[in-house]
Amino acid sequence: MIVIQAKDYDEMSKKAYESMKIVLTEKPDAVLGLATGSTPIGLYKEMIADYKAGAVSYKKMTSINLDEYVGLPVEHPESYRSFMNRNLFDHIDIVKENTHVPDGLAADLKLAADEYTAFAAAHPIDIQILGIGANGHIGFNEPGTPFDSHTHVVELKEGTRRDNARFFDNDIDLVPTHAVTLGMADIMNAKAIILLASGAGKAEAVRDMVLGPVSENCPASILQTHPNVLVVTDEAAGYYLN
């Protein structure tokens, strides 16, 4: 695990993109594992700017998103499909049919989850982008999630829903109670991982991920055992690493 501490959010995003760009330019048909939330938006802006500058094409690439809310219509502005379209896909030349987000509206969620696991296994992720929750979750794999888990439906912790309420008019009652997420084993199958962390609220989770024991109490700590992980923080999120 390599850790880079940037001075602020913008530098964090640029540092992460510098590393990601190596894959984007060396493998035109790369499979990208993508994340949602406020943390990767700066990285996606870097991707868009470089695409518009003519430096990168996504036409042959495939994307696999980490997660999606259960029961939230795809057209809802806070669905993760809408998020990805708004913050990345609508601004680059990736083929929409090659962008994949878990199905949170499936009649049989277990079957849809199993199919998503199979798809990810058949399309190995070249570089996985991750954020980290204040409780150490990655994707929506909350503390206690088995490290050998695959795509599954998860009941979101109150703290996670409270953190996400800012996207729902600060009303926790509007935040879905469940989500579909790639499992820990699926994430660990990625060839390379870049984890971004910004803000003081993530500092303890980053400390536990990097310095703590490998434990399901901090799901992100499993990344200590992955052979190719880059962690990029701003100063606030990396506070305990100094």
Protein backbone atom coordinates (compact mmCIF):
# COMPACT_ATOMS: atom_id res chain seq x y z
CA MET A 1 0.00 0.00 0.00
CA ILE A 2 1.36 3.39 -1.05
CA VAL A 3 -0.02 6.48 0.68
CA ILE A 4 0.19 9.99 -0.77
CA GLN A 5 -0.96 12.95 1.30
CA ALA A 6 -1.98 15.94 -0.80
CA LYS A 7 -2.48 19.39 0.63
CA ASP A 8 -6.14 19.71 -0.35
CA TYR A 9 -9.02 18.17 -2.30
CA ASP A 10 -7.95 19.53 -5.70
CA GLU A 11 -4.41 18.23 -5.36
CA MET A 12 -5.76 14.88 -4.13
CA SER A 13 -7.89 14.61 -7.27
CA LYS A 14 -4.98 15.52 -9.55
CA LYS A 15 -2.60 13.04 -7.87
CA ALA A 16 -5.17 10.27 -8.21
CA TYR A 17 -5.71 11.06 -11.88
CA GLU A 18 -1.97 11.06 -12.58
CA SER A 19 -1.86 7.46 -11.44
CA MET A 20 -5.10 6.48 -13.15
CA LYS A 21 -4.01 8.01 -16.45
CA ILE A 22 -1.24 5.45 -16.78
CA VAL A 23 -3.87 2.74 -17.13
CA LEU A 24 -6.10 4.86 -19.36
CA THR A 25 -3.33 5.51 -21.87
CA GLU A 26 -1.65 2.10 -21.79
CA LYS A 27 -4.88 0.10 -22.14
CA PRO A 28 -7.48 1.64 -24.48
CA ASP A 29 -9.97 -1.14 -23.65
CA ALA A 30 -9.51 -0.95 -19.88
CA VAL A 31 -12.21 -1.99 -17.44
CA LEU A 32 -12.78 0.78 -14.91
CA GLY A 33 -14.26 0.19 -11.47
CA LEU A 34 -16.01 3.42 -10.49
CA ALA A 35 -17.39 4.92 -7.31
CA THR A 36 -19.96 7.56 -6.42
CA GLY A 37 -20.24 10.13 -3.67
CA SER A 38 -18.65 13.56 -3.41
CA THR A 39 -15.06 12.34 -3.07
CA PRO A 40 -14.39 11.15 -6.66
CA ILE A 41 -16.09 14.11 -8.39
CA GLY A 42 -12.80 15.99 -8.64
CA LEU A 43 -11.15 12.95 -10.19
CA TYR A 44 -13.97 12.68 -12.72
CA LYS A 45 -13.48 16.36 -13.60
CA GLU A 46 -9.82 15.60 -14.31
CA MET A 47 -10.87 12.69 -16.54
CA ILE A 48 -13.31 14.89 -18.43
CA ALA A 49 -10.80 17.71 -18.91
CA ASP A 50 -8.15 15.35 -20.25
CA TYR A 51 -10.67 13.74 -22.60
CA LYS A 52 -11.72 17.15 -23.93
CA ALA A 53 -8.05 17.97 -24.43
CA GLY A 54 -7.80 14.92 -26.69
CA ALA A 55 -5.46 12.99 -24.42
CA VAL A 56 -7.70 10.00 -23.64
CA SER A 57 -10.55 8.13 -25.34
CA TYR A 58 -13.01 5.94 -23.46
CA LYS A 59 -14.71 4.57 -26.56
CA LYS A 60 -13.41 1.03 -26.07
CA MET A 61 -13.56 1.01 -22.28
CA THR A 62 -16.03 -0.68 -19.95
CA SER A 63 -17.08 0.60 -16.55
CA ILE A 64 -18.43 -1.32 -13.57
CA ASN A 65 -19.87 0.71 -10.73
CA LEU A 66 -19.61 -0.37 -7.13
CA ASP A 67 -23.17 0.07 -5.95
CA GLU A 68 -26.71 1.38 -6.32
CA TYR A 69 -29.59 2.13 -4.01
CA VAL A 70 -32.44 -0.36 -3.81
CA GLY A 71 -35.81 0.94 -4.90
CA LEU A 72 -34.66 4.32 -6.18
CA PRO A 73 -35.85 4.98 -9.76
CA VAL A 74 -33.00 5.20 -12.25
CA GLU A 75 -34.14 8.68 -13.28
CA HIS A 76 -34.02 9.95 -9.69
CA PRO A 77 -31.24 12.56 -9.49
CA GLU A 78 -29.60 10.72 -6.59
CA SER A 79 -29.59 7.27 -8.16
CA TYR A 80 -26.03 6.27 -8.84
CA ARG A 81 -26.82 5.81 -12.53
CA SER A 82 -27.93 9.45 -12.66
CA PHE A 83 -24.87 10.49 -10.66
CA MET A 84 -22.51 8.78 -13.07
CA ASN A 85 -24.24 10.18 -16.14
CA ARG A 86 -24.19 13.70 -14.70
CA ASN A 87 -20.63 13.66 -13.38
CA LEU A 88 -18.82 11.58 -15.99
CA PHE A 89 -20.53 9.52 -18.68
CA ASP A 90 -22.38 12.40 -20.37
CA HIS A 91 -19.07 14.25 -20.84
CA ILE A 92 -16.79 11.57 -22.33
CA ASP A 93 -17.03 9.22 -25.30
CA ILE A 94 -17.69 6.02 -23.37
CA VAL A 95 -20.45 3.91 -24.94
CA LYS A 96 -23.39 3.97 -22.52
CA GLU A 97 -24.10 0.28 -23.19
CA ASN A 98 -20.63 -0.43 -21.80
CA THR A 99 -21.37 1.31 -18.49
CA HIS A 100 -22.72 -0.96 -15.78
CA VAL A 101 -24.42 -0.12 -12.49
CA PRO A 102 -26.06 -2.69 -10.18
CA ASP A 103 -29.81 -3.12 -10.65
CA GLY A 104 -31.56 -1.84 -7.54
CA LEU A 105 -34.99 -2.30 -9.07
CA ALA A 106 -34.78 -5.99 -10.02
CA ALA A 107 -37.73 -8.17 -9.08
CA ASP A 108 -35.20 -10.77 -7.90
CA LEU A 109 -32.39 -8.80 -6.27
CA LYS A 110 -30.42 -11.91 -5.33
CA LEU A 111 -30.39 -13.13 -8.93
CA ALA A 112 -29.43 -9.69 -10.21
CA ALA A 113 -26.62 -9.51 -7.66
CA ASP A 114 -25.30 -12.93 -8.68
CA GLU A 115 -25.37 -11.89 -12.33
CA TYR A 116 -23.42 -8.72 -11.49
CA THR A 117 -20.79 -10.79 -9.70
CA ALA A 118 -20.50 -13.03 -12.75
CA PHE A 119 -20.16 -10.04 -15.06
CA ALA A 120 -17.40 -8.54 -12.92
CA ALA A 121 -15.59 -11.87 -12.84
CA ALA A 122 -15.77 -12.10 -16.62
CA HIS A 123 -14.50 -8.52 -17.04
CA PRO A 124 -11.59 -8.17 -14.59
CA ILE A 125 -11.29 -4.60 -13.35
CA ASP A 126 -8.00 -2.96 -14.33
CA ILE A 127 -8.30 -0.07 -11.90
CA GLN A 128 -10.82 0.32 -9.11
CA ILE A 129 -11.65 3.76 -7.70
CA LEU A 130 -12.79 3.74 -4.07
CA GLY A 131 -13.88 6.19 -1.45
CA ILE A 132 -14.11 5.32 2.22
CA GLY A 133 -16.94 5.82 4.67
CA ALA A 134 -16.46 7.31 8.10
CA ASN A 135 -16.97 3.80 9.51
CA GLY A 136 -14.44 2.28 7.10
CA HIS A 137 -16.91 0.95 4.55
CA ILE A 138 -15.94 0.60 0.90
CA GLY A 139 -18.69 0.36 -1.65
CA PHE A 140 -21.61 -0.24 0.69
CA ASN A 141 -19.78 -3.02 2.51
CA GLU A 142 -20.52 -2.00 6.06
CA PRO A 143 -18.49 -3.12 9.10
CA GLY A 144 -19.00 -6.83 9.69
CA THR A 145 -19.26 -7.68 5.99
CA PRO A 146 -17.35 -10.93 5.36
CA PHE A 147 -14.17 -10.47 3.38
CA ASP A 148 -15.20 -13.31 1.05
CA SER A 149 -18.52 -11.65 0.12
CA HIS A 150 -19.73 -11.08 -3.44
CA THR A 151 -22.38 -8.71 -4.79
CA HIS A 152 -25.20 -8.55 -2.28
CA VAL A 153 -28.03 -6.48 -0.86
CA VAL A 154 -27.07 -4.63 2.30
CA GLU A 155 -29.09 -2.77 4.91
CA LEU A 156 -27.41 0.58 5.31
CA LYS A 157 -26.24 1.63 8.76
CA GLU A 158 -27.92 4.70 10.23
CA GLY A 159 -24.59 6.54 10.18
CA THR A 160 -24.15 5.86 6.48
CA ARG A 161 -27.68 7.05 5.74
CA ARG A 162 -27.09 10.12 7.88
CA ASP A 163 -23.88 10.88 5.95
CA ASN A 164 -25.77 10.57 2.67
CA ALA A 165 -28.75 12.65 3.79
CA ARG A 166 -27.00 15.75 2.44
CA PHE A 167 -27.85 14.47 -1.03
CA PHE A 168 -31.52 14.11 -0.06
CA ASP A 169 -32.36 17.61 1.22
CA ASN A 170 -30.77 16.63 4.56
CA ASP A 171 -33.75 14.37 5.25
CA ILE A 172 -32.60 10.92 6.38
CA ASP A 173 -36.12 9.58 5.80
CA LEU A 174 -35.60 10.12 2.06
CA VAL A 175 -32.40 8.07 1.99
CA PRO A 176 -33.00 4.48 0.88
CA THR A 177 -32.53 1.88 3.59
CA HIS A 178 -30.88 -0.74 1.34
CA ALA A 179 -28.37 -0.89 -1.49
CA VAL A 180 -26.77 -3.40 -3.83
CA THR A 181 -22.99 -3.45 -3.68
CA LEU A 182 -20.08 -5.35 -5.11
CA GLY A 183 -18.69 -7.54 -2.36
CA MET A 184 -15.31 -7.40 -0.72
CA ALA A 185 -13.96 -10.32 -2.76
CA ASP A 186 -15.08 -8.64 -5.99
CA ILE A 187 -13.30 -5.41 -5.07
CA MET A 188 -10.14 -7.29 -4.14
CA ASN A 189 -10.11 -8.93 -7.58
CA ALA A 190 -9.23 -5.59 -9.17
CA LYS A 191 -5.71 -5.45 -10.59
CA ALA A 192 -5.06 -2.01 -9.10
CA ILE A 193 -6.95 0.14 -6.60
CA ILE A 194 -6.93 3.89 -5.94
CA LEU A 195 -8.68 4.96 -2.75
CA LEU A 196 -9.47 8.63 -2.18
CA ALA A 197 -10.17 10.18 1.21
CA SER A 198 -10.99 13.80 1.92
CA GLY A 199 -11.95 15.68 5.05
CA ALA A 200 -11.44 15.32 8.79
CA GLY A 201 -14.48 13.07 9.06
CA LYS A 202 -12.54 10.34 7.26
CA ALA A 203 -9.34 10.63 9.32
CA GLU A 204 -10.07 7.86 11.81
CA ALA A 205 -11.23 5.48 9.08
CA VAL A 206 -8.04 6.17 7.10
CA ARG A 207 -5.95 5.54 10.22
CA ASP A 208 -7.68 2.23 10.87
CA MET A 209 -7.40 1.23 7.21
CA VAL A 210 -3.67 1.91 6.97
CA LEU A 211 -2.36 1.36 10.50
CA GLY A 212 -4.94 -0.84 12.20
CA PRO A 213 -5.36 -4.60 12.15
CA VAL A 214 -6.97 -6.26 9.15
CA SER A 215 -10.46 -6.67 10.51
CA GLU A 216 -14.01 -6.81 9.22
CA ASN A 217 -14.71 -4.07 11.77
CA CYS A 218 -12.96 -1.77 9.28
CA PRO A 219 -13.75 -3.23 5.85
CA ALA A 220 -11.17 -1.05 4.08
CA SER A 221 -8.37 -2.61 6.16
CA ILE A 222 -8.45 -5.61 3.80
CA LEU A 223 -6.68 -3.37 1.30
CA GLN A 224 -3.50 -3.87 3.32
CA THR A 225 -3.34 -7.34 1.76
CA HIS A 226 -3.82 -6.21 -1.86
CA PRO A 227 -0.62 -6.04 -3.94
CA ASN A 228 -1.37 -2.77 -5.76
CA VAL A 229 -3.14 -0.08 -3.73
CA LEU A 230 -2.64 3.67 -3.83
CA VAL A 231 -4.26 5.75 -1.09
CA VAL A 232 -4.51 9.49 -1.76
CA THR A 233 -5.72 11.76 1.03
CA ASP A 234 -5.88 15.46 1.68
CA GLU A 235 -4.22 16.80 4.82
CA ALA A 236 -7.34 16.50 6.95
CA ALA A 237 -8.10 12.88 6.06
CA GLY A 238 -4.46 11.89 6.50
CA TYR A 239 -4.11 13.62 9.89
CA TYR A 240 -3.32 10.49 11.90
CA LEU A 241 -0.74 9.25 9.40
CA ASN A 242 1.72 12.06 10.11
